[in-house]
C-alpha atoms as a PDB file:
ATOM      1  CA  MET A   1     -34.113 -26.509  48.706  1.00  0.00           C
ATOM      2  CA  LEU A   2     -35.309 -25.696  45.185  1.00  0.00           C
ATOM      3  CA  LEU A   3     -38.288 -27.546  43.779  1.00  0.00           C
ATOM      4  CA  PRO A   4     -37.362 -29.779  40.827  1.00  0.00           C
ATOM      5  CA  THR A   5     -38.952 -28.791  37.543  1.00  0.00           C
ATOM      6  CA  PRO A   6     -41.837 -31.239  36.986  1.00  0.00           C
ATOM      7  CA  ARG A   7     -41.588 -33.567  33.985  1.00  0.00           C
ATOM      8  CA  HIS A   8     -45.366 -33.654  33.699  1.00  0.00           C
ATOM      9  CA  TYR A   9     -48.200 -31.662  35.203  1.00  0.00           C
ATOM     10  CA  ASP A  10     -49.619 -33.272  38.363  1.00  0.00           C
ATOM     11  CA  PRO A  11     -52.840 -31.556  39.602  1.00  0.00           C
ATOM     12  CA  LEU A  12     -52.583 -33.003  43.117  1.00  0.00           C
ATOM     13  CA  ARG A  13     -49.023 -31.729  43.494  1.00  0.00           C
ATOM     14  CA  ALA A  14     -50.064 -28.365  42.065  1.00  0.00           C
ATOM     15  CA  TRP A  15     -52.924 -27.983  44.554  1.00  0.00           C
ATOM     16  CA  ARG A  16     -50.699 -28.977  47.481  1.00  0.00           C
ATOM     17  CA  LEU A  17     -48.093 -26.386  46.498  1.00  0.00           C
ATOM     18  CA  ALA A  18     -50.822 -23.787  45.946  1.00  0.00           C
ATOM     19  CA  ALA A  19     -52.295 -24.504  49.391  1.00  0.00           C
ATOM     20  CA  THR A  20     -48.858 -24.145  50.988  1.00  0.00           C
ATOM     21  CA  TYR A  21     -48.111 -20.869  49.216  1.00  0.00           C
ATOM     22  CA  LEU A  22     -51.553 -19.340  49.792  1.00  0.00           C
ATOM     23  CA  GLY A  23     -51.435 -20.483  53.418  1.00  0.00           C
ATOM     24  CA  LEU A  24     -48.094 -18.719  53.866  1.00  0.00           C
ATOM     25  CA  LEU A  25     -49.446 -15.517  52.296  1.00  0.00           C
ATOM     26  CA  THR A  26     -52.468 -15.623  54.602  1.00  0.00           C
ATOM     27  CA  THR A  27     -50.269 -16.287  57.631  1.00  0.00           C
ATOM     28  CA  PHE A  28     -47.908 -13.423  56.820  1.00  0.00           C
ATOM     29  CA  SER A  29     -50.891 -11.124  56.253  1.00  0.00           C
ATOM     30  CA  TRP A  30     -52.407 -12.226  59.560  1.00  0.00           C
ATOM     31  CA  LEU A  31     -49.152 -11.601  61.415  1.00  0.00           C
ATOM     32  CA  ALA A  32     -49.057  -8.133  59.840  1.00  0.00           C
ATOM     33  CA  GLY A  33     -52.579  -7.516  61.161  1.00  0.00           C
ATOM     34  CA  THR A  34     -54.165  -7.024  57.748  1.00  0.00           C
ATOM     35  CA  PRO A  35     -57.267  -9.265  58.096  1.00  0.00           C
ATOM     36  CA  GLN A  36     -57.906  -7.906  61.590  1.00  0.00           C
ATOM     37  CA  TRP A  37     -57.620  -4.346  60.255  1.00  0.00           C
ATOM     38  CA  LEU A  38     -59.773  -5.129  57.236  1.00  0.00           C
ATOM     39  CA  ILE A  39     -62.778  -6.412  59.193  1.00  0.00           C
ATOM     40  CA  ARG A  40     -62.840  -3.144  61.141  1.00  0.00           C
ATOM     41  CA  GLN A  41     -63.148  -1.090  57.946  1.00  0.00           C
ATOM     42  CA  PRO A  42     -66.586  -0.298  56.490  1.00  0.00           C
ATOM     43  CA  LEU A  43     -67.316  -1.823  53.113  1.00  0.00           C
ATOM     44  CA  THR A  44     -68.541   1.576  51.920  1.00  0.00           C
ATOM     45  CA  THR A  45     -69.715   4.821  53.502  1.00  0.00           C
ATOM     46  CA  GLY A  46     -72.893   6.791  53.054  1.00  0.00           C
ATOM     47  CA  GLY A  47     -70.933   9.578  51.446  1.00  0.00           C
ATOM     48  CA  GLN A  48     -69.445   7.214  48.885  1.00  0.00           C
ATOM     49  CA  LEU A  49     -72.830   5.735  47.977  1.00  0.00           C
ATOM     50  CA  ALA A  50     -74.056   9.268  47.269  1.00  0.00           C
ATOM     51  CA  ASP A  51     -70.955  10.221  45.279  1.00  0.00           C
ATOM     52  CA  PRO A  52     -71.212   9.700  41.484  1.00  0.00           C
ATOM     53  CA  ARG A  53     -67.406   9.772  41.237  1.00  0.00           C
ATOM     54  CA  TRP A  54     -67.180   6.737  43.537  1.00  0.00           C
ATOM     55  CA  TRP A  55     -69.744   4.837  41.483  1.00  0.00           C
ATOM     56  CA  SER A  56     -68.047   5.831  38.227  1.00  0.00           C
ATOM     57  CA  LEU A  57     -64.615   4.623  39.292  1.00  0.00           C
ATOM     58  CA  LEU A  58     -65.959   1.417  40.831  1.00  0.00           C
ATOM     59  CA  LEU A  59     -67.951   0.673  37.686  1.00  0.00           C
ATOM     60  CA  ALA A  60     -64.914   1.418  35.517  1.00  0.00           C
ATOM     61  CA  CYS A  61     -62.800  -1.028  37.562  1.00  0.00           C
ATOM     62  CA  LEU A  62     -65.468  -3.722  37.356  1.00  0.00           C
ATOM     63  CA  LEU A  63     -66.006  -3.263  33.622  1.00  0.00           C
ATOM     64  CA  PHE A  64     -62.283  -3.355  32.933  1.00  0.00           C
ATOM     65  CA  THR A  65     -61.877  -6.520  35.034  1.00  0.00           C
ATOM     66  CA  VAL A  66     -64.692  -8.275  33.190  1.00  0.00           C
ATOM     67  CA  GLU A  67     -63.480  -7.125  29.756  1.00  0.00           C
ATOM     68  CA  ALA A  68     -59.785  -7.861  30.373  1.00  0.00           C
ATOM     69  CA  TYR A  69     -60.160 -11.185  32.165  1.00  0.00           C
ATOM     70  CA  GLY A  70     -63.558 -12.317  30.939  1.00  0.00           C
ATOM     71  CA  LEU A  71     -63.021 -11.531  27.232  1.00  0.00           C
ATOM     72  CA  TYR A  72     -59.416 -10.751  26.265  1.00  0.00           C
ATOM     73  CA  TRP A  73     -57.646 -13.165  28.637  1.00  0.00           C
ATOM     74  CA  PRO A  74     -59.671 -16.271  27.649  1.00  0.00           C
ATOM     75  CA  ARG A  75     -59.253 -15.493  23.929  1.00  0.00           C
ATOM     76  CA  HIS A  76     -55.473 -15.608  24.432  1.00  0.00           C
ATOM     77  CA  THR A  77     -55.341 -18.643  26.719  1.00  0.00           C
ATOM     78  CA  LEU A  78     -54.445 -22.223  25.845  1.00  0.00           C
ATOM     79  CA  ARG A  79     -56.561 -24.996  27.392  1.00  0.00           C
ATOM     80  CA  PHE A  80     -55.399 -28.125  25.568  1.00  0.00           C
ATOM     81  CA  GLU A  81     -58.951 -29.485  25.831  1.00  0.00           C
ATOM     82  CA  ARG A  82     -58.985 -29.346  29.625  1.00  0.00           C
ATOM     83  CA  PRO A  83     -62.617 -29.607  30.794  1.00  0.00           C
ATOM     84  CA  LEU A  84     -64.588 -26.932  32.596  1.00  0.00           C
ATOM     85  CA  ARG A  85     -65.074 -27.847  36.288  1.00  0.00           C
ATOM     86  CA  PRO A  86     -66.870 -24.739  37.574  1.00  0.00           C
ATOM     87  CA  LEU A  87     -67.048 -25.470  41.303  1.00  0.00           C
ATOM     88  CA  ALA A  88     -63.450 -26.652  41.733  1.00  0.00           C
ATOM     89  CA  GLN A  89     -62.009 -23.969  39.472  1.00  0.00           C
ATOM     90  CA  ALA A  90     -64.036 -21.155  41.025  1.00  0.00           C
ATOM     91  CA  GLY A  91     -63.088 -22.389  44.497  1.00  0.00           C
ATOM     92  CA  PHE A  92     -59.430 -22.379  43.523  1.00  0.00           C
ATOM     93  CA  GLY A  93     -59.743 -18.841  42.203  1.00  0.00           C
ATOM     94  CA  LEU A  94     -61.562 -17.728  45.346  1.00  0.00           C
ATOM     95  CA  ALA A  95     -58.784 -18.998  47.622  1.00  0.00           C
ATOM     96  CA  TRP A  96     -56.124 -17.566  45.297  1.00  0.00           C
ATOM     97  CA  GLY A  97     -57.815 -14.169  45.158  1.00  0.00           C
ATOM     98  CA  LEU A  98     -58.433 -13.879  48.900  1.00  0.00           C
ATOM     99  CA  ALA A  99     -54.889 -14.838  49.904  1.00  0.00           C
ATOM    100  CA  LEU A 100     -53.200 -12.731  47.220  1.00  0.00           C
ATOM    101  CA  GLY A 101     -55.560  -9.810  47.815  1.00  0.00           C
ATOM    102  CA  LEU A 102     -54.727  -9.797  51.528  1.00  0.00           C
ATOM    103  CA  TRP A 103     -51.009  -9.963  50.751  1.00  0.00           C
ATOM    104  CA  MET A 104     -51.275  -7.086  48.271  1.00  0.00           C
ATOM    105  CA  LEU A 105     -53.146  -5.079  50.889  1.00  0.00           C
ATOM    106  CA  THR A 106     -50.388  -5.882  53.384  1.00  0.00           C
ATOM    107  CA  LEU A 107     -47.788  -4.475  50.989  1.00  0.00           C
ATOM    108  CA  VAL A 108     -49.918  -1.343  50.563  1.00  0.00           C
ATOM    109  CA  ARG A 109     -50.137  -0.880  54.338  1.00  0.00           C
ATOM    110  CA  TRP A 110     -46.380  -1.338  54.710  1.00  0.00           C
ATOM    111  CA  ALA A 111     -45.729   1.200  51.954  1.00  0.00           C
ATOM    112  CA  ARG A 112     -48.002   3.674  53.712  1.00  0.00           C
ATOM    113  CA  ASP A 113     -46.163   3.103  56.990  1.00  0.00           C
ATOM    114  CA  TRP A 114     -42.861   3.824  55.247  1.00  0.00           C
ATOM    115  CA  LEU A 115     -44.182   6.828  53.303  1.00  0.00           C
ATOM    116  CA  PRO A 116     -47.050   8.319  55.323  1.00  0.00           C
ATOM    117  CA  GLY A 117     -49.319  10.909  53.773  1.00  0.00           C
ATOM    118  CA  HIS A 118     -52.904  11.656  52.778  1.00  0.00           C
ATOM    119  CA  GLY A 119     -54.389  12.893  49.534  1.00  0.00           C
ATOM    120  CA  ALA A 120     -51.728  13.883  47.038  1.00  0.00           C
ATOM    121  CA  ALA A 121     -49.090  13.274  49.715  1.00  0.00           C
ATOM    122  CA  GLY A 122     -50.111   9.610  49.729  1.00  0.00           C
ATOM    123  CA  VAL A 123     -49.278   9.043  46.052  1.00  0.00           C
ATOM    124  CA  PRO A 124     -45.611   8.064  46.695  1.00  0.00           C
ATOM    125  CA  ALA A 125     -46.765   5.267  48.999  1.00  0.00           C
ATOM    126  CA  LEU A 126     -49.179   3.975  46.354  1.00  0.00           C
ATOM    127  CA  LEU A 127     -46.435   4.075  43.719  1.00  0.00           C
ATOM    128  CA  LEU A 128     -44.116   2.177  46.048  1.00  0.00           C
ATOM    129  CA  ALA A 129     -46.841  -0.395  46.719  1.00  0.00           C
ATOM    130  CA  PHE A 130     -47.467  -0.729  42.978  1.00  0.00           C
ATOM    131  CA  LEU A 131     -43.770  -1.440  42.399  1.00  0.00           C
ATOM    132  CA  LEU A 132     -43.579  -3.928  45.291  1.00  0.00           C
ATOM    133  CA  ILE A 133     -46.659  -5.830  44.126  1.00  0.00           C
ATOM    134  CA  SER A 134     -45.477  -5.827  40.515  1.00  0.00           C
ATOM    135  CA  LEU A 135     -42.045  -7.156  41.480  1.00  0.00           C
ATOM    136  CA  TRP A 136     -43.569  -9.810  43.743  1.00  0.00           C
ATOM    137  CA  GLN A 137     -45.969 -10.975  41.061  1.00  0.00           C
ATOM    138  CA  ALA A 138     -43.356 -11.002  38.320  1.00  0.00           C
ATOM    139  CA  LEU A 139     -40.961 -13.164  40.331  1.00  0.00           C
ATOM    140  CA  VAL A 140     -43.500 -15.518  41.904  1.00  0.00           C
ATOM    141  CA  GLN A 141     -45.539 -15.998  38.733  1.00  0.00           C
ATOM    142  CA  SER A 142     -42.457 -16.623  36.603  1.00  0.00           C
ATOM    143  CA  TYR A 143     -40.402 -18.825  38.920  1.00  0.00           C
ATOM    144  CA  PHE A 144     -42.939 -20.625  41.108  1.00  0.00           C
ATOM    145  CA  TRP A 145     -46.648 -20.305  40.374  1.00  0.00           C
ATOM    146  CA  GLY A 146     -46.391 -20.588  36.611  1.00  0.00           C
ATOM    147  CA  VAL A 147     -43.886 -23.465  36.787  1.00  0.00           C
ATOM    148  CA  HIS A 148     -45.362 -25.607  39.571  1.00  0.00           C
ATOM    149  CA  VAL A 149     -49.021 -24.646  40.044  1.00  0.00           C
ATOM    150  CA  THR A 150     -50.904 -23.534  36.938  1.00  0.00           C
ATOM    151  CA  PRO A 151     -51.014 -25.701  33.809  1.00  0.00           C
ATOM    152  CA  GLU A 152     -49.580 -24.653  30.465  1.00  0.00           C
ATOM    153  CA  HIS A 153     -51.849 -21.854  29.226  1.00  0.00           C
ATOM    154  CA  ASP A 154     -49.728 -19.283  27.382  1.00  0.00           C
ATOM    155  CA  THR A 155     -47.390 -18.739  24.485  1.00  0.00           C
ATOM    156  CA  PRO A 156     -44.514 -16.255  24.812  1.00  0.00           C
ATOM    157  CA  ALA A 157     -46.546 -13.745  22.796  1.00  0.00           C
ATOM    158  CA  SER A 158     -49.766 -14.178  24.771  1.00  0.00           C
ATOM    159  CA  ASN A 159     -47.904 -13.906  28.049  1.00  0.00           C
ATOM    160  CA  ARG A 160     -46.362 -10.579  27.034  1.00  0.00           C
ATOM    161  CA  SER A 161     -49.658  -9.252  25.739  1.00  0.00           C
ATOM    162  CA  LYS A 162     -51.511 -10.161  28.937  1.00  0.00           C
ATOM    163  CA  VAL A 163     -48.975  -8.299  31.075  1.00  0.00           C
ATOM    164  CA  TRP A 164     -49.593  -4.962  29.333  1.00  0.00           C
ATOM    165  CA  ARG A 165     -53.194  -5.503  28.258  1.00  0.00           C
ATOM    166  CA  CYS A 166     -54.524  -7.043  31.493  1.00  0.00           C
ATOM    167  CA  HIS A 167     -52.242  -7.281  34.518  1.00  0.00           C
ATOM    168  CA  VAL A 168     -50.600  -3.845  34.648  1.00  0.00           C
ATOM    169  CA  PRO A 169     -53.761  -1.766  33.979  1.00  0.00           C
ATOM    170  CA  PHE A 170     -55.802  -4.014  36.295  1.00  0.00           C
ATOM    171  CA  LEU A 171     -53.421  -3.417  39.191  1.00  0.00           C
ATOM    172  CA  ALA A 172     -53.165   0.294  38.362  1.00  0.00           C
ATOM    173  CA  SER A 173     -56.956   0.736  38.310  1.00  0.00           C
ATOM    174  CA  GLY A 174     -57.355  -1.141  41.590  1.00  0.00           C
ATOM    175  CA  MET A 175     -54.636   0.944  43.246  1.00  0.00           C
ATOM    176  CA  TRP A 176     -56.259   4.111  41.915  1.00  0.00           C
ATOM    177  CA  PHE A 177     -59.604   3.109  43.399  1.00  0.00           C
ATOM    178  CA  LEU A 178     -58.003   2.159  46.715  1.00  0.00           C
ATOM    179  CA  GLY A 179     -55.994   5.369  46.879  1.00  0.00           C
ATOM    180  CA  ALA A 180     -58.917   7.597  45.930  1.00  0.00           C
ATOM    181  CA  PHE A 181     -61.575   6.089  48.195  1.00  0.00           C
ATOM    182  CA  GLY A 182     -59.904   3.611  50.551  1.00  0.00           C
ATOM    183  CA  ASN A 183     -62.320   0.694  50.076  1.00  0.00           C
ATOM    184  CA  ALA A 184     -59.893  -2.059  51.052  1.00  0.00           C
ATOM    185  CA  ALA A 185     -62.435  -4.905  50.991  1.00  0.00           C
ATOM    186  CA  LEU A 186     -63.508  -3.968  47.466  1.00  0.00           C
ATOM    187  CA  PHE A 187     -59.853  -3.910  46.420  1.00  0.00           C
ATOM    188  CA  VAL A 188     -59.518  -7.492  47.642  1.00  0.00           C
ATOM    189  CA  GLY A 189     -62.823  -8.308  45.966  1.00  0.00           C
ATOM    190  CA  LEU A 190     -61.449  -7.190  42.604  1.00  0.00           C
ATOM    191  CA  GLN A 191     -58.545  -9.634  43.020  1.00  0.00           C
ATOM    192  CA  VAL A 192     -61.017 -12.420  43.808  1.00  0.00           C
ATOM    193  CA  LEU A 193     -63.143 -11.612  40.753  1.00  0.00           C
ATOM    194  CA  CYS A 194     -60.087 -11.530  38.497  1.00  0.00           C
ATOM    195  CA  LEU A 195     -58.659 -14.838  39.702  1.00  0.00           C
ATOM    196  CA  VAL A 196     -61.946 -16.711  39.741  1.00  0.00           C
ATOM    197  CA  ILE A 197     -62.407 -15.727  36.088  1.00  0.00           C
ATOM    198  CA  THR A 198     -58.850 -16.720  35.124  1.00  0.00           C
ATOM    199  CA  SER A 199     -59.035 -20.046  36.970  1.00  0.00           C
ATOM    200  CA  LEU A 200     -62.166 -20.868  34.993  1.00  0.00           C
ATOM    201  CA  ALA A 201     -60.718 -19.566  31.732  1.00  0.00           C
ATOM    202  CA  MET A 202     -57.503 -21.607  31.913  1.00  0.00           C
ATOM    203  CA  ARG A 203     -59.495 -24.663  33.060  1.00  0.00           C
ATOM    204  CA  MET A 204     -57.424 -25.201  36.212  1.00  0.00           C
ATOM    205  CA  PRO A 205     -57.457 -28.996  36.689  1.00  0.00           C
ATOM    206  CA  PRO A 206     -58.979 -30.134  40.015  1.00  0.00           C
ATOM    207  CA  TRP A 207     -56.745 -32.125  42.333  1.00  0.00           C
ATOM    208  CA  TRP A 208     -58.503 -35.417  41.550  1.00  0.00           C
ATOM    209  CA  ASP A 209     -57.999 -35.114  37.785  1.00  0.00           C
ATOM    210  CA  ARG A 210     -55.727 -37.904  36.517  1.00  0.00           C
ATOM    211  CA  THR A 211     -55.884 -36.958  32.839  1.00  0.00           C
ATOM    212  CA  PRO A 212     -52.318 -36.778  31.441  1.00  0.00           C
ATOM    213  CA  GLN A 213     -51.235 -33.146  31.175  1.00  0.00           C
ATOM    214  CA  ARG A 214     -48.319 -31.672  29.272  1.00  0.00           C
ATOM    215  CA  ALA A 215     -45.511 -30.195  31.365  1.00  0.00           C
ATOM    216  CA  VAL A 216     -45.156 -26.439  31.511  1.00  0.00           C
ATOM    217  CA  THR A 217     -42.574 -25.105  29.052  1.00  0.00           C
ATOM    218  CA  THR A 218     -39.676 -23.420  30.879  1.00  0.00           C
ATOM    219  CA  SER A 219     -36.482 -21.597  30.010  1.00  0.00           C
ATOM    220  CA  ALA A 220     -33.465 -20.458  32.007  1.00  0.00           C
ATOM    221  CA  GLY A 221     -34.077 -17.273  33.979  1.00  0.00           C
ATOM    222  CA  LEU A 222     -32.186 -15.407  36.677  1.00  0.00           C
ATOM    223  CA  LEU A 223     -29.234 -17.398  38.017  1.00  0.00           C
ATOM    224  CA  GLY A 224     -30.182 -20.149  35.590  1.00  0.00           C
ATOM    225  CA  LEU A 225     -33.384 -20.926  37.463  1.00  0.00           C
ATOM    226  CA  PRO A 226     -36.273 -22.356  35.419  1.00  0.00           C
ATOM    227  CA  ARG A 227     -38.992 -19.858  34.619  1.00  0.00           C
ATOM    228  CA  THR A 228     -42.179 -20.030  32.581  1.00  0.00           C
ATOM    229  CA  HIS A 229     -41.628 -19.537  28.895  1.00  0.00           C
ATOM    230  CA  GLY A 230     -44.861 -20.460  27.153  1.00  0.00           C
ATOM    231  CA  TRP A 231     -45.877 -23.101  24.633  1.00  0.00           C
ATOM    232  CA  GLN A 232     -44.169 -22.833  21.274  1.00  0.00           C
ATOM    233  CA  GLY A 233     -46.189 -24.545  18.591  1.00  0.00           C
ATOM    234  CA  PRO A 234     -46.506 -24.063  14.839  1.00  0.00           C
ATOM    235  CA  SER A 235     -47.364 -20.387  15.333  1.00  0.00           C
ATOM    236  CA  SER A 236     -46.122 -17.818  17.823  1.00  0.00           C
ATOM    237  CA  THR A 237     -49.598 -16.296  17.952  1.00  0.00           C
ATOM    238  CA  PHE A 238     -53.032 -17.811  18.298  1.00  0.00           C
ATOM    239  CA  SER A 239     -54.556 -19.369  15.203  1.00  0.00           C
ATOM    240  CA  PRO A 240     -56.939 -22.242  14.398  1.00  0.00           C
ATOM    241  CA  SER A 241     -53.954 -24.613  14.530  1.00  0.00           C
ATOM    242  CA  VAL A 242     -53.316 -23.848  18.201  1.00  0.00           C
ATOM    243  CA  PRO A 243     -55.052 -26.351  20.545  1.00  0.00           C
ATOM    244  CA  ARG A 244     -57.505 -24.608  22.832  1.00  0.00           C
END
């Protein structure tokens, strides 16, 4: 049964749906053996800690994450005067990042099972995983998460810009780091960092917040299903007239 498009944003409903979805991702990952496999992997190795290439790529991934999601993403995010609630919003981002990170890692492991190989021979599996994760995120974000969970925080223009300025290069850099050095826990950690920052930046309302919130703007998508569209105000881009 399809979820009805909400007429207004209800934080309690949003958190319940988020908990259900993230619980399902965690369960599927657990059934695939990903958390059990992950805890058996070393966080780093002595060789990596002595390798300047490892440090350089890790630092590049961290700096890009902070710049893309700590600077660019907030500057292009609508808040509609939602208040900052650091503990609740960071906790939401932590749960979101852990569950999604484990699911992404599960897709990577499946891709590697389907296309085994090491070194250069492992690139096809990483490309397949990149495509699977991208497709999953595009569909879930557009038709579920962005409609029923997160509050209105984009315009059509900002949404498009974030895809190519933040999301695609962030995933590509994380996959590059994972493929080059295999630090699975750090790959998940990058997802956590990204989603904690974005949850704070969009001012994700806590479940107890009863402040009236505008409904998410939707449009017809595949098969006529509602998908996120973005707020359309006086300007299609951000300006002083756009409520933050």
